[in-house]
């Protein structure tokens, strides 16, 4: 039963209209002033408001109040006015008046208007209900798609992590890695370890511009082409990087690039050489505790294919002595802001190395010292290679390339 609020100052007219509407099966509350109406609408929201214009000077203000009230804004209004007061009635249209009837009121005509308004508002409510249901259905569909996408992304993240190579453990060499993708999700930083031959280990560390799925796809591509290039060029870091740059420049989106460093370690002699293309320079620590920041020239990969690109690459060669260490990282760790507002940077790395012992997990110590778990805004990747004080005699024995029968195994066999 629709509830109608009637505001009419004339008691006779109020009674006549009220009775007629009740006979039509409506619930009617009849009041004589806008003040009474204000009190009434707070108790029960009407399906229709019928209002006499002559309620005092504040009737338009009262109607404005209805339109500003979120719960009452959709209540339709039929306004009753004097014949000679149509100009002031026009201003009431700003209050979303449905219809204006002239006095004296034709009750039968009013009843028709009431039925028309109620039917129309009923259809509008049904239409809004359908729209809400459709919108709710669309939202639920989007939520399902988001959940499915999130699950796919999580699977992708796990796949990218498992695709990263596990650090090898050749005799006399300790390799530690700390890799924390930004937000714990898919990262653009990457690393790789692979054997060029039974005694030469290739180490790759890199950082792809951007974040998210695209960066993860590019980093996966970069790892593969660097690996192929280094094997094709027999461990020549400059030529291996030239190959990788040419391949990446053809395939990655314009404006994207890959910063990387590639090093080759002879695990028997300790000979090390590397080339750096855009990532922070590594830090070397010697057995006597001395440190050295090794800066070399180089250009990020993938920006353009050029026959002269590799000419800018400087190769650094040295020997990793027993109890010596190499620490390499991407920029996520050195950019961590500290309590003093300064970045962790190389002084932070140096402080950790100055107190690190030979058997310490240096990447973990650096990560903790920088408070990177709370302060890193980018992927964090740190790798340390420590040559322990072990006498190495035979490269096959060092690498442990023997199967359970005692036969020499194939170091490049998978599985």
Protein backbone atom coordinates (compact mmCIF):
# COMPACT_ATOMS: atom_id res chain seq x y z
CA UNK A 1 0.00 0.00 0.00
CA UNK A 2 1.68 3.28 -1.14
CA UNK A 3 2.07 5.88 1.58
CA UNK A 4 1.19 9.46 0.60
CA UNK A 5 2.03 12.58 2.58
CA UNK A 6 -0.49 15.39 2.03
CA UNK A 7 0.41 18.94 3.11
CA UNK A 8 -2.68 21.17 2.91
CA UNK A 9 -3.46 24.24 5.02
CA UNK A 10 -7.22 24.16 4.34
CA UNK A 11 -8.77 21.60 6.65
CA UNK A 12 -11.77 20.98 4.37
CA UNK A 13 -9.69 20.42 1.26
CA UNK A 14 -7.26 18.31 3.28
CA UNK A 15 -10.05 16.03 4.45
CA UNK A 16 -11.62 15.74 1.01
CA UNK A 17 -8.37 14.77 -0.71
CA UNK A 18 -7.38 12.44 2.09
CA UNK A 19 -10.64 10.52 1.98
CA UNK A 20 -10.57 10.18 -1.80
CA UNK A 21 -7.04 8.77 -1.77
CA UNK A 22 -7.86 6.35 1.03
CA UNK A 23 -10.78 5.05 -0.99
CA UNK A 24 -8.26 4.29 -3.76
CA UNK A 25 -6.39 2.06 -1.32
CA UNK A 26 -3.57 4.41 -0.34
CA UNK A 27 -2.17 5.10 3.10
CA UNK A 28 -2.46 8.85 3.68
CA UNK A 29 -0.96 11.12 6.31
CA UNK A 30 -2.43 14.64 6.14
CA UNK A 31 -0.65 17.60 7.81
CA UNK A 32 -1.25 21.34 7.62
CA UNK A 33 2.29 22.80 7.57
CA UNK A 34 5.79 22.22 6.24
CA UNK A 35 7.02 22.01 9.85
CA UNK A 36 4.71 19.02 10.46
CA UNK A 37 5.86 17.57 7.14
CA UNK A 38 9.51 17.80 8.16
CA UNK A 39 8.76 15.75 11.23
CA UNK A 40 6.71 13.25 9.27
CA UNK A 41 9.23 12.47 6.53
CA UNK A 42 11.87 11.65 9.12
CA UNK A 43 9.56 8.98 10.57
CA UNK A 44 8.37 7.42 7.31
CA UNK A 45 9.45 8.03 3.74
CA UNK A 46 6.37 8.63 1.52
CA UNK A 47 5.87 7.21 -1.94
CA UNK A 48 4.39 10.58 -2.99
CA UNK A 49 4.18 14.10 -1.59
CA UNK A 50 1.18 16.33 -2.38
CA UNK A 51 1.88 19.88 -1.27
CA UNK A 52 -0.16 23.09 -1.15
CA UNK A 53 1.93 26.02 -2.29
CA UNK A 54 0.48 28.27 0.42
CA UNK A 55 2.34 26.77 3.32
CA UNK A 56 4.21 29.92 4.17
CA UNK A 57 7.34 31.49 2.78
CA UNK A 58 9.46 28.40 3.26
CA UNK A 59 7.63 25.89 1.06
CA UNK A 60 10.24 26.05 -1.73
CA UNK A 61 12.99 25.77 0.89
CA UNK A 62 11.24 22.71 2.29
CA UNK A 63 11.10 21.11 -1.16
CA UNK A 64 14.77 21.92 -1.67
CA UNK A 65 15.52 20.12 1.57
CA UNK A 66 13.88 17.02 0.17
CA UNK A 67 16.05 17.02 -2.96
CA UNK A 68 19.21 17.44 -0.89
CA UNK A 69 18.33 14.52 1.38
CA UNK A 70 19.73 11.29 -0.04
CA UNK A 71 16.82 9.19 1.23
CA UNK A 72 14.10 11.64 0.12
CA UNK A 73 15.55 12.92 -3.12
CA UNK A 74 13.49 10.51 -5.28
CA UNK A 75 10.13 11.25 -3.62
CA UNK A 76 7.88 12.67 -6.38
CA UNK A 77 5.95 15.90 -5.65
CA UNK A 78 2.59 17.16 -6.88
CA UNK A 79 2.24 20.90 -6.18
CA UNK A 80 -1.13 22.64 -5.74
CA UNK A 81 -1.13 26.40 -6.58
CA UNK A 82 -3.52 29.35 -7.00
CA UNK A 83 -4.50 30.32 -10.55
CA UNK A 84 -2.82 33.71 -10.29
CA UNK A 85 0.41 32.43 -8.69
CA UNK A 86 1.92 30.40 -11.52
CA UNK A 87 5.10 32.52 -11.72
CA UNK A 88 6.19 31.54 -8.22
CA UNK A 89 5.17 27.95 -8.94
CA UNK A 90 7.62 27.82 -11.86
CA UNK A 91 10.48 28.33 -9.44
CA UNK A 92 9.38 25.16 -7.70
CA UNK A 93 10.37 23.15 -10.78
CA UNK A 94 13.94 23.47 -9.51
CA UNK A 95 12.77 21.09 -6.78
CA UNK A 96 11.87 18.27 -9.21
CA UNK A 97 8.09 18.82 -9.10
CA UNK A 98 6.27 16.10 -11.01
CA UNK A 99 3.07 18.06 -11.70
CA UNK A 100 1.32 21.34 -10.80
CA UNK A 101 -2.45 21.46 -10.25
CA UNK A 102 -4.48 24.68 -10.01
CA UNK A 103 -6.97 25.45 -7.30
CA UNK A 104 -9.72 24.64 -6.75
CA UNK A 105 -8.47 21.08 -6.89
CA UNK A 106 -10.31 18.67 -9.14
CA UNK A 107 -10.08 15.62 -6.86
CA UNK A 108 -10.77 13.13 -9.67
CA UNK A 109 -8.03 14.68 -11.78
CA UNK A 110 -5.72 14.56 -8.76
CA UNK A 111 -6.47 10.86 -8.28
CA UNK A 112 -5.51 10.19 -11.91
CA UNK A 113 -2.28 12.14 -11.44
CA UNK A 114 -1.52 10.19 -8.26
CA UNK A 115 -1.99 6.83 -10.01
CA UNK A 116 0.15 8.01 -12.91
CA UNK A 117 2.95 9.14 -10.63
CA UNK A 118 2.89 5.96 -8.55
CA UNK A 119 2.94 3.72 -11.64
CA UNK A 120 5.82 5.70 -13.09
CA UNK A 121 7.84 5.67 -9.88
CA UNK A 122 7.16 1.94 -9.51
CA UNK A 123 8.55 1.34 -12.99
CA UNK A 124 11.56 3.51 -12.16
CA UNK A 125 12.20 1.52 -8.98
CA UNK A 126 11.98 -1.75 -10.90
CA UNK A 127 14.31 -0.34 -13.53
CA UNK A 128 16.79 0.80 -10.88
CA UNK A 129 16.54 -2.60 -9.22
CA UNK A 130 17.32 -4.31 -12.52
CA UNK A 131 20.23 -1.92 -13.07
CA UNK A 132 21.53 -2.62 -9.57
CA UNK A 133 21.21 -6.36 -10.10
CA UNK A 134 22.95 -6.09 -13.47
CA UNK A 135 25.68 -3.92 -11.96
CA UNK A 136 26.06 -6.34 -9.05
CA UNK A 137 26.31 -9.18 -11.55
CA UNK A 138 28.97 -7.30 -13.51
CA UNK A 139 30.90 -6.55 -10.32
CA UNK A 140 30.77 -10.21 -9.30
CA UNK A 141 31.97 -11.18 -12.77
CA UNK A 142 34.83 -8.69 -12.54
CA UNK A 143 35.72 -9.96 -9.08
CA UNK A 144 35.86 -13.52 -10.43
CA UNK A 145 38.04 -12.36 -13.32
CA UNK A 146 40.31 -10.43 -10.95
CA UNK A 147 40.61 -13.47 -8.69
CA UNK A 148 41.41 -15.65 -11.69
CA UNK A 149 43.92 -13.09 -12.98
CA UNK A 150 45.51 -12.83 -9.54
CA UNK A 151 45.81 -16.61 -9.39
CA UNK A 152 47.36 -16.61 -12.86
CA UNK A 153 49.78 -13.87 -11.84
CA UNK A 154 50.67 -15.75 -8.67
CA UNK A 155 51.34 -18.87 -10.72
CA UNK A 156 53.38 -16.79 -13.14
CA UNK A 157 55.35 -15.28 -10.27
CA UNK A 158 56.08 -18.71 -8.85
CA UNK A 159 57.10 -19.96 -12.28
CA UNK A 160 59.45 -17.04 -12.83
CA UNK A 161 61.04 -17.63 -9.43
CA UNK A 162 61.50 -21.35 -10.05
CA UNK A 163 62.95 -20.58 -13.48
CA UNK A 164 65.78 -18.65 -11.81
CA UNK A 165 68.84 -20.85 -11.47
CA UNK A 166 69.82 -22.21 -8.07
CA UNK A 167 73.34 -21.17 -7.03
CA UNK A 168 75.80 -24.00 -7.70
CA UNK A 169 78.09 -25.26 -4.92
CA UNK A 170 81.48 -26.06 -6.44
CA UNK A 171 84.15 -27.13 -3.99
CA UNK A 172 85.90 -24.15 -2.43
CA UNK A 173 83.37 -21.58 -3.70
CA UNK A 174 80.48 -20.18 -1.68
CA UNK A 175 77.69 -18.39 -3.54
CA UNK A 176 74.91 -16.62 -1.64
CA UNK A 177 71.87 -14.94 -3.20
CA UNK A 178 69.18 -12.69 -1.74
CA UNK A 179 66.42 -11.86 -4.21
CA UNK A 180 63.28 -10.03 -3.10
CA UNK A 181 60.95 -8.85 -5.91
CA UNK A 182 59.23 -5.55 -5.18
CA UNK A 183 56.01 -6.20 -3.27
CA UNK A 184 56.85 -9.91 -3.10
CA UNK A 185 55.49 -10.39 -6.62
CA UNK A 186 56.94 -10.63 -10.11
CA UNK A 187 60.19 -8.72 -10.44
CA UNK A 188 62.27 -7.21 -13.21
CA UNK A 189 65.58 -8.08 -11.55
CA UNK A 190 67.14 -11.40 -12.53
CA UNK A 191 70.19 -13.56 -12.11
CA UNK A 192 71.61 -16.71 -13.66
CA UNK A 193 74.37 -19.27 -13.18
CA UNK A 194 75.51 -21.67 -15.89
CA UNK A 195 78.66 -23.62 -16.75
CA UNK A 196 80.64 -22.76 -19.85
CA UNK A 197 82.86 -25.81 -19.31
CA UNK A 198 83.77 -27.99 -16.31
CA UNK A 199 85.75 -25.23 -14.62
CA UNK A 200 84.31 -21.91 -15.83
CA UNK A 201 81.12 -20.65 -14.20
CA UNK A 202 79.20 -17.77 -15.75
CA UNK A 203 77.35 -15.44 -13.37
CA UNK A 204 74.69 -12.97 -14.58
CA UNK A 205 72.91 -10.23 -12.66
CA UNK A 206 70.44 -7.86 -14.29
CA UNK A 207 67.66 -5.33 -14.00
CA UNK A 208 64.91 -4.70 -16.57
CA UNK A 209 63.36 -1.24 -16.88
CA UNK A 210 59.80 -1.16 -15.57
CA UNK A 211 57.89 -3.59 -13.38
CA UNK A 212 55.20 -6.25 -13.53
CA UNK A 213 54.47 -8.89 -16.14
CA UNK A 214 56.17 -7.11 -19.04
CA UNK A 215 59.41 -6.68 -17.05
CA UNK A 216 59.27 -10.32 -15.99
CA UNK A 217 58.85 -11.48 -19.60
CA UNK A 218 61.76 -9.30 -20.74
CA UNK A 219 64.00 -10.52 -17.93
CA UNK A 220 63.22 -14.13 -18.87
CA UNK A 221 64.15 -13.32 -22.46
CA UNK A 222 67.33 -11.50 -21.36
CA UNK A 223 68.54 -14.45 -19.26
CA UNK A 224 68.11 -16.78 -22.19
CA UNK A 225 69.85 -14.64 -24.84
CA UNK A 226 72.76 -13.79 -22.52
CA UNK A 227 73.20 -17.50 -21.80
CA UNK A 228 73.11 -18.36 -25.50
CA UNK A 229 75.49 -15.52 -26.37
CA UNK A 230 78.06 -16.47 -23.73
CA UNK A 231 78.05 -20.12 -24.82
CA UNK A 232 78.24 -19.26 -28.53
CA UNK A 233 81.14 -16.88 -27.89
CA UNK A 234 82.97 -19.35 -25.63
CA UNK A 235 82.82 -17.16 -22.55
CA UNK A 236 84.00 -13.91 -24.18
CA UNK A 237 81.99 -11.45 -22.09
CA UNK A 238 82.19 -8.57 -24.58
CA UNK A 239 81.12 -10.66 -27.54
CA UNK A 240 78.50 -12.52 -25.52
CA UNK A 241 76.94 -9.21 -24.50
CA UNK A 242 77.13 -7.94 -28.09
CA UNK A 243 75.08 -10.94 -29.20
CA UNK A 244 72.56 -10.40 -26.39
CA UNK A 245 72.20 -6.69 -27.21
CA UNK A 246 71.54 -7.39 -30.89
CA UNK A 247 68.87 -9.94 -30.05
CA UNK A 248 67.15 -7.84 -27.38
CA UNK A 249 67.17 -4.68 -29.50
CA UNK A 250 65.12 -6.52 -32.11
CA UNK A 251 62.51 -7.95 -29.75
CA UNK A 252 61.82 -5.82 -26.66
CA UNK A 253 59.45 -2.79 -26.78
CA UNK A 254 60.96 0.51 -27.84
CA UNK A 255 62.33 2.47 -24.89
CA UNK A 256 62.80 -0.60 -22.71
CA UNK A 257 66.28 -1.76 -21.80
CA UNK A 258 68.16 -4.34 -19.77
CA UNK A 259 70.95 -3.40 -17.36
CA UNK A 260 73.24 -6.35 -16.66
CA UNK A 261 76.61 -7.56 -15.50
CA UNK A 262 78.17 -10.79 -16.72
CA UNK A 263 81.14 -12.41 -15.01
CA UNK A 264 83.11 -15.60 -15.60
CA UNK A 265 84.90 -17.37 -12.74
CA UNK A 266 87.50 -20.10 -13.17
CA UNK A 267 86.77 -22.07 -10.02
CA UNK A 268 90.22 -23.70 -10.03
CA UNK A 269 92.55 -20.77 -10.66
CA UNK A 270 90.25 -18.09 -9.27
CA UNK A 271 90.54 -16.02 -12.46
CA UNK A 272 87.60 -13.65 -12.80
CA UNK A 273 86.52 -11.28 -15.52
CA UNK A 274 83.36 -9.27 -15.94
CA UNK A 275 81.67 -6.57 -17.97
CA UNK A 276 79.07 -4.20 -16.57
CA UNK A 277 76.27 -2.66 -18.63
CA UNK A 278 74.19 -0.30 -16.52
CA UNK A 279 73.94 -2.02 -13.12
CA UNK A 280 75.79 -0.69 -10.03
CA UNK A 281 79.49 -1.59 -9.97
CA UNK A 282 80.56 -4.58 -7.85
CA UNK A 283 82.67 -4.48 -4.71
CA UNK A 284 85.72 -6.73 -4.29
CA UNK A 285 87.02 -7.68 -0.87
CA UNK A 286 90.45 -9.23 -0.42
CA UNK A 287 91.74 -11.69 2.15
CA UNK A 288 93.44 -8.90 4.12
CA UNK A 289 90.11 -7.02 4.43
CA UNK A 290 90.81 -4.37 1.80
CA UNK A 291 87.90 -3.31 -0.39
CA UNK A 292 87.79 -2.09 -3.96
CA UNK A 293 84.90 -0.58 -5.91
CA UNK A 294 85.48 -1.55 -9.54
CA UNK A 295 83.96 0.91 -12.00
CA UNK A 296 83.90 -0.07 -15.65
CA UNK A 297 82.24 1.47 -18.70
CA UNK A 298 79.29 -0.08 -20.46
CA UNK A 299 75.89 0.66 -22.01
CA UNK A 300 72.55 -1.00 -21.15
CA UNK A 301 71.34 -3.70 -23.51
CA UNK A 302 68.40 -3.52 -25.91
CA UNK A 303 68.26 0.21 -26.64
CA UNK A 304 69.60 -0.12 -30.17
CA UNK A 305 71.43 -2.54 -32.42
CA UNK A 306 74.79 -1.18 -33.48
CA UNK A 307 78.06 -2.65 -34.73
CA UNK A 308 79.93 -0.29 -32.41
CA UNK A 309 77.79 -0.94 -29.29
CA UNK A 310 80.27 -3.33 -27.69
CA UNK A 311 83.19 -0.94 -28.20
CA UNK A 312 82.08 1.00 -25.10
CA UNK A 313 82.25 -2.10 -22.90
CA UNK A 314 85.24 -2.30 -20.58
CA UNK A 315 86.21 -5.77 -19.34
CA UNK A 316 87.75 -6.05 -15.87
CA UNK A 317 90.06 -8.98 -15.13
CA UNK A 318 91.43 -9.98 -11.75
CA UNK A 319 92.04 -13.01 -9.56
CA UNK A 320 89.72 -14.05 -6.77
CA UNK A 321 92.18 -15.09 -4.12
CA UNK A 322 91.40 -17.57 -1.33
CA UNK A 323 89.26 -15.79 1.31
CA UNK A 324 88.45 -13.13 -1.28
CA UNK A 325 84.93 -12.08 -2.16
CA UNK A 326 82.93 -10.40 -4.93
CA UNK A 327 79.64 -8.66 -4.09
CA UNK A 328 77.29 -7.55 -6.85
CA UNK A 329 73.79 -6.08 -6.71
CA UNK A 330 71.12 -4.10 -8.51
CA UNK A 331 70.12 -0.57 -7.48
CA UNK A 332 67.20 -1.58 -5.24
CA UNK A 333 69.41 -2.13 -2.19
CA UNK A 334 71.60 0.96 -2.47
CA UNK A 335 68.56 3.22 -2.92
CA UNK A 336 66.97 2.24 0.41
CA UNK A 337 66.46 5.44 2.43
CA UNK A 338 67.78 5.33 5.99
CA UNK A 339 66.76 7.16 9.17
CA UNK A 340 68.98 10.12 8.31
CA UNK A 341 67.25 10.57 4.95
CA UNK A 342 70.28 9.33 3.03
CA UNK A 343 70.40 6.26 0.79
CA UNK A 344 72.05 3.08 2.04
CA UNK A 345 74.41 3.28 -0.94
CA UNK A 346 78.00 2.02 -1.07
CA UNK A 347 78.99 3.25 2.42
CA UNK A 348 76.30 0.94 3.82
CA UNK A 349 77.66 -2.00 1.82
CA UNK A 350 81.21 -1.18 2.94
CA UNK A 351 80.23 -1.17 6.62
CA UNK A 352 78.72 -4.65 6.29
CA UNK A 353 81.80 -6.02 4.50
CA UNK A 354 84.13 -4.54 7.10
CA UNK A 355 82.57 -6.71 9.81
CA UNK A 356 81.61 -9.77 7.73
CA UNK A 357 83.33 -13.08 8.39
CA UNK A 358 84.39 -15.56 5.73
CA UNK A 359 81.44 -17.89 6.33
CA UNK A 360 78.78 -15.17 6.66
CA UNK A 361 75.85 -14.89 4.29
CA UNK A 362 76.80 -11.41 3.06
CA UNK A 363 73.67 -10.71 0.94
CA UNK A 364 71.49 -11.42 3.98
CA UNK A 365 73.64 -9.16 6.18
CA UNK A 366 73.40 -6.32 3.64
CA UNK A 367 69.65 -6.79 3.29
CA UNK A 368 69.14 -6.59 7.04
CA UNK A 369 71.52 -3.65 7.52
CA UNK A 370 69.59 -1.62 4.92
CA UNK A 371 66.24 -2.54 6.54
CA UNK A 372 65.25 -3.38 2.98
CA UNK A 373 62.23 -5.42 4.04
CA UNK A 374 60.51 -2.16 5.02
CA UNK A 375 62.38 0.46 3.01
CA UNK A 376 63.04 -0.99 -0.43
CA UNK A 377 60.79 0.47 -3.14
CA UNK A 378 62.35 -1.57 -5.93
CA UNK A 379 63.42 -5.17 -6.47
CA UNK A 380 66.37 -6.16 -4.30
CA UNK A 381 69.00 -8.53 -5.67
CA UNK A 382 72.37 -9.18 -3.99
CA UNK A 383 74.89 -11.90 -4.87
CA UNK A 384 78.18 -12.66 -3.19
CA UNK A 385 80.84 -15.10 -4.38
CA UNK A 386 83.43 -16.09 -1.80
CA UNK A 387 86.49 -18.21 -2.51
CA UNK A 388 87.17 -20.30 0.53
CA UNK A 389 90.66 -21.37 1.62
CA UNK A 390 90.49 -24.80 -0.02
CA UNK A 391 93.19 -26.38 -2.17
CA UNK A 392 91.63 -27.24 -5.52
CA UNK A 393 93.29 -30.01 -7.52
CA UNK A 394 91.07 -31.32 -10.30
CA UNK A 395 88.24 -29.48 -12.00
CA UNK A 396 86.03 -32.57 -12.35
CA UNK A 397 86.53 -33.46 -8.69
CA UNK A 398 85.85 -29.84 -7.74
CA UNK A 399 82.54 -29.81 -9.53
CA UNK A 400 81.57 -33.31 -8.45
CA UNK A 401 80.71 -34.47 -11.97
CA UNK A 402 80.51 -38.17 -11.13
CA UNK A 403 77.39 -40.29 -11.05
CA UNK A 404 76.51 -42.92 -8.47
CA UNK A 405 78.41 -45.64 -10.37
CA UNK A 406 81.64 -43.67 -10.20
CA UNK A 407 81.54 -42.84 -13.92
CA UNK A 408 82.24 -39.27 -14.92
CA UNK A 409 78.98 -37.50 -15.61
CA UNK A 410 78.03 -34.90 -18.21
CA UNK A 411 78.05 -31.44 -16.54
CA UNK A 412 75.66 -30.10 -19.17
CA UNK A 413 73.09 -32.88 -18.88
CA UNK A 414 69.76 -31.73 -17.51
CA UNK A 415 68.01 -33.85 -14.91
